[in-house]
Amino acid sequence: MFGIGEEKQAELRYFAADYQLIKKGSYVICAVTGEKIDLDSLNYWNVERQEAYINGAASLKRELEIKQKT
Protein backbone atom coordinates (compact mmCIF):
# COMPACT_ATOMS: atom_id res chain seq x y z
CA MET A 1 0.00 0.00 0.00
CA PHE A 2 1.06 3.58 -0.58
CA GLY A 3 0.67 4.55 3.07
CA ILE A 4 3.44 2.14 4.14
CA GLY A 5 1.25 0.42 6.71
CA GLU A 6 -0.34 3.61 8.00
CA GLU A 7 -4.09 3.46 8.42
CA LYS A 8 -4.65 7.11 7.55
CA GLN A 9 -6.80 8.80 4.95
CA ALA A 10 -4.85 9.89 1.89
CA GLU A 11 -5.45 13.10 -0.01
CA LEU A 12 -5.34 12.78 -3.78
CA ARG A 13 -5.63 14.96 -6.84
CA TYR A 14 -7.44 13.10 -9.60
CA PHE A 15 -6.52 13.27 -13.28
CA ALA A 16 -8.09 11.58 -16.31
CA ALA A 17 -6.01 8.39 -16.18
CA ASP A 18 -4.17 8.65 -12.86
CA TYR A 19 -3.98 10.47 -9.56
CA GLN A 20 -1.34 12.29 -7.57
CA LEU A 21 -0.72 11.61 -3.89
CA ILE A 22 -0.95 14.93 -2.01
CA LYS A 23 -1.02 13.57 1.55
CA LYS A 24 0.23 10.07 2.43
CA GLY A 25 -2.29 7.53 3.59
CA SER A 26 -3.63 4.09 2.78
CA TYR A 27 -7.20 4.87 1.73
CA VAL A 28 -9.72 7.45 0.51
CA ILE A 29 -13.44 7.71 1.25
CA CYS A 30 -16.14 6.99 -1.33
CA ALA A 31 -18.10 10.18 -2.01
CA VAL A 32 -21.35 8.21 -2.31
CA THR A 33 -21.22 5.40 0.27
CA GLY A 34 -18.72 6.75 2.80
CA GLU A 35 -16.78 3.47 2.65
CA LYS A 36 -13.00 3.28 2.79
CA ILE A 37 -11.27 2.50 -0.51
CA ASP A 38 -7.73 1.13 -0.27
CA LEU A 39 -5.51 2.99 -2.70
CA ASP A 40 -4.47 -0.24 -4.39
CA SER A 41 -8.18 -0.88 -5.13
CA LEU A 42 -9.06 2.63 -6.33
CA ASN A 43 -10.38 2.44 -9.90
CA TYR A 44 -13.24 4.96 -10.06
CA TRP A 45 -13.14 8.74 -9.63
CA ASN A 46 -14.39 11.96 -11.17
CA VAL A 47 -11.84 14.57 -12.23
CA GLU A 48 -14.24 17.54 -12.31
CA ARG A 49 -15.66 16.87 -8.85
CA GLN A 50 -12.41 15.41 -7.44
CA GLU A 51 -14.36 12.51 -5.90
CA ALA A 52 -13.52 8.84 -5.45
CA TYR A 53 -16.03 5.99 -5.77
CA ILE A 54 -15.94 2.45 -4.38
CA ASN A 55 -17.23 0.93 -7.64
CA GLY A 56 -18.95 1.65 -10.94
CA ALA A 57 -22.41 1.54 -9.37
CA ALA A 58 -21.49 4.30 -6.92
CA SER A 59 -20.06 6.37 -9.76
CA LEU A 60 -23.25 5.96 -11.79
CA LYS A 61 -25.39 6.84 -8.76
CA ARG A 62 -23.49 10.13 -8.33
CA GLU A 63 -23.86 10.95 -12.04
CA LEU A 64 -27.62 10.40 -11.83
CA GLU A 65 -27.85 12.55 -8.68
CA ILE A 66 -26.01 15.40 -10.41
CA LYS A 67 -28.20 15.16 -13.53
CA GLN A 68 -31.36 15.36 -11.40
CA LYS A 69 -30.18 18.64 -9.87
CA THR A 70 -29.72 20.30 -13.26
PDB file of N, CA and C in Angstrom:
ATOM      1  N   MET A   1       0.823  -1.186   0.000  1.00  0.00           N
ATOM      2  CA  MET A   1       0.000   0.000   0.000  1.00  0.00           C
ATOM      3  C   MET A   1       0.867   1.250   0.000  1.00  0.00           C
ATOM      4  N   PHE A   2       0.318   2.325  -0.471  1.00  0.00           N
ATOM      5  CA  PHE A   2       1.056   3.575  -0.577  1.00  0.00           C
ATOM      6  C   PHE A   2       1.346   4.212   0.774  1.00  0.00           C
ATOM      7  N   GLY A   3       0.509   3.935   1.764  1.00  0.00           N
ATOM      8  CA  GLY A   3       0.674   4.547   3.074  1.00  0.00           C
ATOM      9  C   GLY A   3       1.720   3.876   3.941  1.00  0.00           C
ATOM     10  N   ILE A   4       2.398   2.870   3.433  1.00  0.00           N
ATOM     11  CA  ILE A   4       3.439   2.145   4.139  1.00  0.00           C
ATOM     12  C   ILE A   4       2.921   1.690   5.514  1.00  0.00           C
ATOM     13  N   GLY A   5       1.799   0.976   5.501  1.00  0.00           N
ATOM     14  CA  GLY A   5       1.250   0.415   6.709  1.00  0.00           C
ATOM     15  C   GLY A   5       0.446   1.378   7.562  1.00  0.00           C
ATOM     16  N   GLU A   6       0.421   2.633   7.219  1.00  0.00           N
ATOM     17  CA  GLU A   6      -0.341   3.612   7.995  1.00  0.00           C
ATOM     18  C   GLU A   6      -1.815   3.512   7.637  1.00  0.00           C
ATOM     19  N   GLU A   7      -2.653   3.476   8.648  1.00  0.00           N
ATOM     20  CA  GLU A   7      -4.094   3.464   8.419  1.00  0.00           C
ATOM     21  C   GLU A   7      -4.603   4.892   8.555  1.00  0.00           C
ATOM     22  N   LYS A   8      -4.239   5.711   7.567  1.00  0.00           N
ATOM     23  CA  LYS A   8      -4.652   7.111   7.549  1.00  0.00           C
ATOM     24  C   LYS A   8      -5.280   7.412   6.199  1.00  0.00           C
ATOM     25  N   GLN A   9      -6.154   8.401   6.194  1.00  0.00           N
ATOM     26  CA  GLN A   9      -6.798   8.804   4.952  1.00  0.00           C
ATOM     27  C   GLN A   9      -5.817   9.589   4.097  1.00  0.00           C
ATOM     28  N   ALA A  10      -5.714   9.201   2.853  1.00  0.00           N
ATOM     29  CA  ALA A  10      -4.854   9.891   1.893  1.00  0.00           C
ATOM     30  C   ALA A  10      -5.612  11.064   1.288  1.00  0.00           C
ATOM     31  N   GLU A  11      -4.866  12.005   0.756  1.00  0.00           N
ATOM     32  CA  GLU A  11      -5.446  13.100  -0.010  1.00  0.00           C
ATOM     33  C   GLU A  11      -4.872  13.009  -1.412  1.00  0.00           C
ATOM     34  N   LEU A  12      -5.761  12.969  -2.395  1.00  0.00           N
ATOM     35  CA  LEU A  12      -5.343  12.783  -3.781  1.00  0.00           C
ATOM     36  C   LEU A  12      -5.843  13.914  -4.660  1.00  0.00           C
ATOM     37  N   ARG A  13      -5.144  14.103  -5.766  1.00  0.00           N
ATOM     38  CA  ARG A  13      -5.627  14.965  -6.844  1.00  0.00           C
ATOM     39  C   ARG A  13      -5.845  14.036  -8.028  1.00  0.00           C
ATOM     40  N   TYR A  14      -7.065  14.031  -8.544  1.00  0.00           N
ATOM     41  CA  TYR A  14      -7.444  13.100  -9.595  1.00  0.00           C
ATOM     42  C   TYR A  14      -7.251  13.715 -10.975  1.00  0.00           C
ATOM     43  N   PHE A  15      -6.694  12.914 -11.872  1.00  0.00           N
ATOM     44  CA  PHE A  15      -6.518  13.271 -13.281  1.00  0.00           C
ATOM     45  C   PHE A  15      -7.265  12.245 -14.123  1.00  0.00           C
ATOM     46  N   ALA A  16      -7.313  12.449 -15.425  1.00  0.00           N
ATOM     47  CA  ALA A  16      -8.090  11.580 -16.308  1.00  0.00           C
ATOM     48  C   ALA A  16      -7.697  10.101 -16.205  1.00  0.00           C
ATOM     49  N   ALA A  17      -6.436   9.796 -16.177  1.00  0.00           N
ATOM     50  CA  ALA A  17      -6.014   8.393 -16.176  1.00  0.00           C
ATOM     51  C   ALA A  17      -5.194   8.010 -14.946  1.00  0.00           C
ATOM     52  N   ASP A  18      -5.023   8.918 -14.018  1.00  0.00           N
ATOM     53  CA  ASP A  18      -4.167   8.654 -12.864  1.00  0.00           C
ATOM     54  C   ASP A  18      -4.513   9.640 -11.757  1.00  0.00           C
ATOM     55  N   TYR A  19      -3.826   9.519 -10.654  1.00  0.00           N
ATOM     56  CA  TYR A  19      -3.983  10.470  -9.560  1.00  0.00           C
ATOM     57  C   TYR A  19      -2.627  10.759  -8.934  1.00  0.00           C
ATOM     58  N   GLN A  20      -2.562  11.866  -8.232  1.00  0.00           N
ATOM     59  CA  GLN A  20      -1.335  12.294  -7.566  1.00  0.00           C
ATOM     60  C   GLN A  20      -1.574  12.257  -6.058  1.00  0.00           C
ATOM     61  N   LEU A  21      -0.633  11.677  -5.337  1.00  0.00           N
ATOM     62  CA  LEU A  21      -0.721  11.611  -3.890  1.00  0.00           C
ATOM     63  C   LEU A  21      -0.290  12.953  -3.307  1.00  0.00           C
ATOM     64  N   ILE A  22      -1.211  13.631  -2.626  1.00  0.00           N
ATOM     65  CA  ILE A  22      -0.949  14.927  -2.010  1.00  0.00           C
ATOM     66  C   ILE A  22      -0.553  14.740  -0.540  1.00  0.00           C
ATOM     67  N   LYS A  23      -1.281  13.858   0.144  1.00  0.00           N
ATOM     68  CA  LYS A  23      -1.022  13.567   1.550  1.00  0.00           C
ATOM     69  C   LYS A  23      -1.002  12.052   1.723  1.00  0.00           C
ATOM     70  N   LYS A  24       0.079  11.517   2.276  1.00  0.00           N
ATOM     71  CA  LYS A  24       0.228  10.073   2.429  1.00  0.00           C
ATOM     72  C   LYS A  24      -0.889   9.484   3.273  1.00  0.00           C
ATOM     73  N   GLY A  25      -1.282   8.291   2.886  1.00  0.00           N
ATOM     74  CA  GLY A  25      -2.293   7.527   3.589  1.00  0.00           C
ATOM     75  C   GLY A  25      -2.524   6.230   2.850  1.00  0.00           C
ATOM     76  N   SER A  26      -3.390   5.404   3.375  1.00  0.00           N
ATOM     77  CA  SER A  26      -3.625   4.095   2.775  1.00  0.00           C
ATOM     78  C   SER A  26      -4.993   3.966   2.116  1.00  0.00           C
ATOM     79  N   TYR A  27      -5.856   4.965   2.295  1.00  0.00           N
ATOM     80  CA  TYR A  27      -7.199   4.872   1.731  1.00  0.00           C
ATOM     81  C   TYR A  27      -7.780   6.255   1.471  1.00  0.00           C
ATOM     82  N   VAL A  28      -8.875   6.266   0.694  1.00  0.00           N
ATOM     83  CA  VAL A  28      -9.724   7.445   0.512  1.00  0.00           C
ATOM     84  C   VAL A  28     -11.155   7.023   0.825  1.00  0.00           C
ATOM     85  N   ILE A  29     -12.039   7.984   0.920  1.00  0.00           N
ATOM     86  CA  ILE A  29     -13.438   7.707   1.251  1.00  0.00           C
ATOM     87  C   ILE A  29     -14.305   7.871   0.000  1.00  0.00           C
ATOM     88  N   CYS A  30     -15.195   6.915  -0.218  1.00  0.00           N
ATOM     89  CA  CYS A  30     -16.135   6.987  -1.335  1.00  0.00           C
ATOM     90  C   CYS A  30     -17.088   8.149  -1.106  1.00  0.00           C
ATOM     91  N   ALA A  31     -17.242   9.003  -2.107  1.00  0.00           N
ATOM     92  CA  ALA A  31     -18.100  10.184  -2.012  1.00  0.00           C
ATOM     93  C   ALA A  31     -19.579   9.830  -1.922  1.00  0.00           C
ATOM     94  N   VAL A  32     -19.955   8.613  -2.305  1.00  0.00           N
ATOM     95  CA  VAL A  32     -21.353   8.210  -2.306  1.00  0.00           C
ATOM     96  C   VAL A  32     -21.697   7.360  -1.083  1.00  0.00           C
ATOM     97  N   THR A  33     -20.894   6.358  -0.800  1.00  0.00           N
ATOM     98  CA  THR A  33     -21.218   5.402   0.268  1.00  0.00           C
ATOM     99  C   THR A  33     -20.543   5.703   1.599  1.00  0.00           C
ATOM    100  N   GLY A  34     -19.464   6.477   1.572  1.00  0.00           N
ATOM    101  CA  GLY A  34     -18.717   6.748   2.796  1.00  0.00           C
ATOM    102  C   GLY A  34     -17.766   5.628   3.189  1.00  0.00           C
ATOM    103  N   GLU A  35     -17.655   4.604   2.361  1.00  0.00           N
ATOM    104  CA  GLU A  35     -16.778   3.467   2.645  1.00  0.00           C
ATOM    105  C   GLU A  35     -15.325   3.809   2.344  1.00  0.00           C
ATOM    106  N   LYS A  36     -14.420   3.139   3.057  1.00  0.00           N
ATOM    107  CA  LYS A  36     -12.995   3.280   2.787  1.00  0.00           C
ATOM    108  C   LYS A  36     -12.638   2.527   1.510  1.00  0.00           C
ATOM    109  N   ILE A  37     -11.776   3.138   0.702  1.00  0.00           N
ATOM    110  CA  ILE A  37     -11.273   2.501  -0.513  1.00  0.00           C
ATOM    111  C   ILE A  37      -9.755   2.454  -0.388  1.00  0.00           C
ATOM    112  N   ASP A  38      -9.185   1.255  -0.289  1.00  0.00           N
ATOM    113  CA  ASP A  38      -7.729   1.131  -0.272  1.00  0.00           C
ATOM    114  C   ASP A  38      -7.170   1.678  -1.578  1.00  0.00           C
ATOM    115  N   LEU A  39      -6.067   2.381  -1.495  1.00  0.00           N
ATOM    116  CA  LEU A  39      -5.505   2.993  -2.704  1.00  0.00           C
ATOM    117  C   LEU A  39      -5.185   1.967  -3.779  1.00  0.00           C
ATOM    118  N   ASP A  40      -4.777   0.768  -3.379  1.00  0.00           N
ATOM    119  CA  ASP A  40      -4.467  -0.243  -4.389  1.00  0.00           C
ATOM    120  C   ASP A  40      -5.719  -0.813  -5.052  1.00  0.00           C
ATOM    121  N   SER A  41      -6.902  -0.446  -4.541  1.00  0.00           N
ATOM    122  CA  SER A  41      -8.175  -0.878  -5.130  1.00  0.00           C
ATOM    123  C   SER A  41      -8.933   0.264  -5.797  1.00  0.00           C
ATOM    124  N   LEU A  42      -8.375   1.451  -5.787  1.00  0.00           N
ATOM    125  CA  LEU A  42      -9.064   2.627  -6.326  1.00  0.00           C
ATOM    126  C   LEU A  42      -9.051   2.608  -7.852  1.00  0.00           C
ATOM    127  N   ASN A  43     -10.242   2.494  -8.436  1.00  0.00           N
ATOM    128  CA  ASN A  43     -10.379   2.443  -9.895  1.00  0.00           C
ATOM    129  C   ASN A  43     -11.357   3.463 -10.457  1.00  0.00           C
ATOM    130  N   TYR A  44     -12.178   4.065  -9.600  1.00  0.00           N
ATOM    131  CA  TYR A  44     -13.235   4.963 -10.062  1.00  0.00           C
ATOM    132  C   TYR A  44     -13.133   6.310  -9.364  1.00  0.00           C
ATOM    133  N   TRP A  45     -13.136   7.386 -10.175  1.00  0.00           N
ATOM    134  CA  TRP A  45     -13.144   8.736  -9.625  1.00  0.00           C
ATOM    135  C   TRP A  45     -13.639   9.705 -10.689  1.00  0.00           C
ATOM    136  N   ASN A  46     -13.954  10.921 -10.256  1.00  0.00           N
ATOM    137  CA  ASN A  46     -14.388  11.964 -11.169  1.00  0.00           C
ATOM    138  C   ASN A  46     -13.414  13.125 -11.069  1.00  0.00           C
ATOM    139  N   VAL A  47     -12.846  13.508 -12.192  1.00  0.00           N
ATOM    140  CA  VAL A  47     -11.838  14.566 -12.233  1.00  0.00           C
ATOM    141  C   VAL A  47     -12.462  15.924 -11.916  1.00  0.00           C
ATOM    142  N   GLU A  48     -13.601  16.234 -12.514  1.00  0.00           N
ATOM    143  CA  GLU A  48     -14.236  17.544 -12.311  1.00  0.00           C
ATOM    144  C   GLU A  48     -14.638  17.763 -10.859  1.00  0.00           C
ATOM    145  N   ARG A  49     -15.204  16.736 -10.234  1.00  0.00           N
ATOM    146  CA  ARG A  49     -15.664  16.866  -8.848  1.00  0.00           C
ATOM    147  C   ARG A  49     -14.596  16.466  -7.841  1.00  0.00           C
ATOM    148  N   GLN A  50     -13.492  15.871  -8.324  1.00  0.00           N
ATOM    149  CA  GLN A  50     -12.408  15.405  -7.445  1.00  0.00           C
ATOM    150  C   GLN A  50     -12.967  14.492  -6.350  1.00  0.00           C
ATOM    151  N   GLU A  51     -13.739  13.474  -6.803  1.00  0.00           N
ATOM    152  CA  GLU A  51     -14.357  12.509  -5.901  1.00  0.00           C
ATOM    153  C   GLU A  51     -13.933  11.101  -6.271  1.00  0.00           C
ATOM    154  N   ALA A  52     -13.817  10.258  -5.251  1.00  0.00           N
ATOM    155  CA  ALA A  52     -13.517   8.837  -5.450  1.00  0.00           C
ATOM    156  C   ALA A  52     -14.790   8.020  -5.221  1.00  0.00           C
ATOM    157  N   TYR A  53     -14.876   6.872  -5.896  1.00  0.00           N
ATOM    158  CA  TYR A  53     -16.029   5.994  -5.769  1.00  0.00           C
ATOM    159  C   TYR A  53     -15.563   4.559  -5.549  1.00  0.00           C
ATOM    160  N   ILE A  54     -16.295   3.828  -4.728  1.00  0.00           N
ATOM    161  CA  ILE A  54     -15.937   2.451  -4.381  1.00  0.00           C
ATOM    162  C   ILE A  54     -16.075   1.500  -5.573  1.00  0.00           C
ATOM    163  N   ASN A  55     -17.020   1.803  -6.474  1.00  0.00           N
ATOM    164  CA  ASN A  55     -17.230   0.932  -7.640  1.00  0.00           C
ATOM    165  C   ASN A  55     -18.007   1.702  -8.716  1.00  0.00           C
ATOM    166  N   GLY A  56     -18.239   1.030  -9.826  1.00  0.00           N
ATOM    167  CA  GLY A  56     -18.948   1.655 -10.939  1.00  0.00           C
ATOM    168  C   GLY A  56     -20.375   2.034 -10.600  1.00  0.00           C
ATOM    169  N   ALA A  57     -21.029   1.233  -9.765  1.00  0.00           N
ATOM    170  CA  ALA A  57     -22.408   1.537  -9.373  1.00  0.00           C
ATOM    171  C   ALA A  57     -22.480   2.838  -8.577  1.00  0.00           C
ATOM    172  N   ALA A  58     -21.523   3.055  -7.697  1.00  0.00           N
ATOM    173  CA  ALA A  58     -21.495   4.304  -6.920  1.00  0.00           C
ATOM    174  C   ALA A  58     -21.222   5.492  -7.833  1.00  0.00           C
ATOM    175  N   SER A  59     -20.356   5.306  -8.803  1.00  0.00           N
ATOM    176  CA  SER A  59     -20.058   6.366  -9.763  1.00  0.00           C
ATOM    177  C   SER A  59     -21.308   6.739 -10.561  1.00  0.00           C
ATOM    178  N   LEU A  60     -22.023   5.730 -11.035  1.00  0.00           N
ATOM    179  CA  LEU A  60     -23.253   5.961 -11.788  1.00  0.00           C
ATOM    180  C   LEU A  60     -24.305   6.645 -10.917  1.00  0.00           C
ATOM    181  N   LYS A  61     -24.431   6.218  -9.669  1.00  0.00           N
ATOM    182  CA  LYS A  61     -25.392   6.838  -8.759  1.00  0.00           C
ATOM    183  C   LYS A  61     -25.120   8.331  -8.617  1.00  0.00           C
ATOM    184  N   ARG A  62     -23.846   8.709  -8.451  1.00  0.00           N
ATOM    185  CA  ARG A  62     -23.486  10.128  -8.327  1.00  0.00           C
ATOM    186  C   ARG A  62     -23.836  10.885  -9.610  1.00  0.00           C
ATOM    187  N   GLU A  63     -23.543  10.299 -10.769  1.00  0.00           N
ATOM    188  CA  GLU A  63     -23.862  10.952 -12.036  1.00  0.00           C
ATOM    189  C   GLU A  63     -25.364  11.215 -12.150  1.00  0.00           C
ATOM    190  N   LEU A  64     -26.169  10.240 -11.760  1.00  0.00           N
ATOM    191  CA  LEU A  64     -27.621  10.404 -11.830  1.00  0.00           C
ATOM    192  C   LEU A  64     -28.106  11.468 -10.844  1.00  0.00           C
ATOM    193  N   GLU A  65     -27.492  11.521  -9.658  1.00  0.00           N
ATOM    194  CA  GLU A  65     -27.849  12.554  -8.680  1.00  0.00           C
ATOM    195  C   GLU A  65     -27.554  13.949  -9.236  1.00  0.00           C
ATOM    196  N   ILE A  66     -26.412  14.099  -9.862  1.00  0.00           N
ATOM    197  CA  ILE A  66     -26.008  15.398 -10.414  1.00  0.00           C
ATOM    198  C   ILE A  66     -26.941  15.802 -11.551  1.00  0.00           C
ATOM    199  N   LYS A  67     -27.306  14.840 -12.403  1.00  0.00           N
ATOM    200  CA  LYS A  67     -28.196  15.158 -13.532  1.00  0.00           C
ATOM    201  C   LYS A  67     -29.587  15.561 -13.055  1.00  0.00           C
ATOM    202  N   GLN A  68     -30.047  15.005 -11.939  1.00  0.00           N
ATOM    203  CA  GLN A  68     -31.360  15.363 -11.402  1.00  0.00           C
ATOM    204  C   GLN A  68     -31.379  16.788 -10.897  1.00  0.00           C
ATOM    205  N   LYS A  69     -30.256  17.276 -10.417  1.00  0.00           N
ATOM    206  CA  LYS A  69     -30.177  18.641  -9.871  1.00  0.00           C
ATOM    207  C   LYS A  69     -30.148  19.704 -10.960  1.00  0.00           C
ATOM    208  N   THR A  70     -29.817  19.305 -12.178  1.00  0.00           N
ATOM    209  CA  THR A  70     -29.716  20.304 -13.257  1.00  0.00           C
ATOM    210  C   THR A  70     -30.972  20.374 -14.090  1.00  0.00           C
TER     211      THR A  70
END
